[in-house]
Amino acid sequence: MPSILRHEKYFTDYSPSFDAYHHPYWEHWRKRSPIGMDQCADCLALGNCGGGCAYAADKAHANIMALDDIFCTFSKKVITFLVQDLVKNMRDRQTASAENTAPVPASIA
């Protein structure tokens, strides 16, 4: 049975008494969340990224708790773009709203 990471690092022997919840592999994997990763603690893309891909982190750094550098960079750029675009759209709406609610000059009324 192949492991998700395509190597035997996370293989385990089957036994009827196998308890995945308490197995060291699962305990390690359960901690792989951006909330539990110190390098993600102050990241603006925390909710979007999710810590990136564990396989990419393991492949690049031999550790699933490391960052997926490519997805980390991508997520930060996407969030920055989305926030900037949102601010621009809000300003455009405020400008359009202000132009549409300007008082009608007395000479026209």
Protein backbone atom coordinates (compact mmCIF):
# COMPACT_ATOMS: atom_id res chain seq x y z
CA MET A 1 0.00 0.00 0.00
CA PRO A 2 1.66 3.27 -1.08
CA SER A 3 1.82 6.14 1.35
CA ILE A 4 0.61 9.56 0.36
CA LEU A 5 4.20 10.81 0.29
CA ARG A 6 5.28 8.01 -2.07
CA HIS A 7 8.05 6.72 0.14
CA GLU A 8 8.20 4.55 3.20
CA LYS A 9 8.76 7.35 5.67
CA TYR A 10 5.13 7.20 6.81
CA PHE A 11 4.47 3.48 6.34
CA THR A 12 3.42 1.40 9.28
CA ASP A 13 2.73 -2.28 9.67
CA TYR A 14 -0.86 -3.33 9.93
CA SER A 15 -2.07 -5.00 13.06
CA PRO A 16 -5.61 -5.55 14.35
CA SER A 17 -4.75 -3.48 17.41
CA PHE A 18 -3.51 -0.53 15.32
CA ASP A 19 -4.71 2.72 16.83
CA ALA A 20 -4.18 5.52 14.34
CA TYR A 21 -5.24 8.20 16.79
CA HIS A 22 -2.37 7.40 19.15
CA HIS A 23 0.21 6.41 16.56
CA PRO A 24 3.25 8.76 16.45
CA TYR A 25 2.74 9.46 12.72
CA TRP A 26 -0.80 10.64 13.26
CA GLU A 27 0.15 12.66 16.31
CA HIS A 28 2.77 14.39 14.17
CA TRP A 29 0.37 14.93 11.23
CA ARG A 30 -2.39 16.25 13.51
CA LYS A 31 -0.08 19.09 14.50
CA ARG A 32 0.40 20.12 10.85
CA SER A 33 -1.86 23.09 10.85
CA PRO A 34 -0.87 26.70 10.31
CA ILE A 35 -2.15 27.36 13.81
CA GLY A 36 0.51 25.00 15.19
CA MET A 37 3.33 26.17 12.91
CA ASP A 38 5.40 28.96 14.50
CA GLN A 39 6.48 30.34 11.13
CA CYS A 40 2.80 30.90 10.22
CA ALA A 41 1.74 32.62 13.45
CA ASP A 42 1.71 36.20 12.14
CA CYS A 43 1.00 35.45 8.48
CA LEU A 44 -1.67 37.50 6.74
CA ALA A 45 -2.54 34.46 4.57
CA LEU A 46 -3.01 32.09 7.52
CA GLY A 47 -6.66 31.29 6.79
CA ASN A 48 -6.15 31.01 3.06
CA CYS A 49 -2.98 28.94 2.90
CA GLY A 50 -3.50 26.29 5.52
CA GLY A 51 0.25 25.75 5.77
CA GLY A 52 0.57 24.71 2.16
CA CYS A 53 1.22 21.22 0.92
CA ALA A 54 2.79 18.80 3.39
CA TYR A 55 4.25 16.75 0.53
CA ALA A 56 5.98 19.80 -0.97
CA ALA A 57 7.34 20.76 2.47
CA ASP A 58 8.57 17.23 3.11
CA LYS A 59 10.13 16.99 -0.34
CA ALA A 60 11.93 20.35 -0.05
CA HIS A 61 12.87 20.28 3.64
CA ALA A 62 12.45 16.64 4.75
CA ASN A 63 9.87 17.79 7.28
CA ILE A 64 6.10 18.09 6.96
CA MET A 65 6.16 20.89 9.54
CA ALA A 66 8.24 23.09 7.24
CA LEU A 67 6.68 25.62 4.92
CA ASP A 68 5.61 24.84 1.41
CA ASP A 69 7.66 27.81 0.17
CA ILE A 70 6.02 28.12 -3.25
CA PHE A 71 2.45 28.00 -1.96
CA CYS A 72 3.34 30.29 0.96
CA THR A 73 4.61 32.97 -1.42
CA PHE A 74 1.63 32.49 -3.74
CA SER A 75 -0.90 32.74 -0.89
CA LYS A 76 0.62 35.96 0.44
CA LYS A 77 0.54 37.53 -3.02
CA VAL A 78 -3.07 36.47 -3.60
CA ILE A 79 -4.22 37.88 -0.24
CA THR A 80 -2.33 41.13 -0.86
CA PHE A 81 -3.92 41.45 -4.31
CA LEU A 82 -7.42 40.69 -2.99
CA VAL A 83 -7.15 43.23 -0.17
CA GLN A 84 -5.80 45.91 -2.51
CA ASP A 85 -8.56 45.16 -5.03
CA LEU A 86 -11.21 45.32 -2.30
CA VAL A 87 -9.91 48.69 -1.07
CA LYS A 88 -9.88 50.04 -4.65
CA ASN A 89 -13.46 48.84 -5.26
CA MET A 90 -14.65 50.38 -1.99
CA ARG A 91 -13.03 53.72 -2.87
CA ASP A 92 -14.53 53.61 -6.37
CA ARG A 93 -17.99 53.00 -4.87
CA GLN A 94 -17.56 55.83 -2.37
CA THR A 95 -16.52 58.19 -5.17
CA ALA A 96 -19.45 57.13 -7.36
CA SER A 97 -21.85 57.44 -4.44
CA ALA A 98 -20.55 60.91 -3.57
CA GLU A 99 -20.96 62.02 -7.20
CA ASN A 100 -24.54 60.69 -7.34
CA THR A 101 -25.64 62.36 -4.11
CA ALA A 102 -24.23 65.80 -4.80
CA PRO A 103 -26.83 68.54 -4.19
CA VAL A 104 -28.66 69.76 -7.26
CA PRO A 105 -27.71 73.36 -8.05
CA ALA A 106 -30.54 75.90 -7.49
CA SER A 107 -30.44 77.03 -11.12
CA ILE A 108 -31.43 73.51 -12.27
CA ALA A 109 -34.09 72.89 -9.65
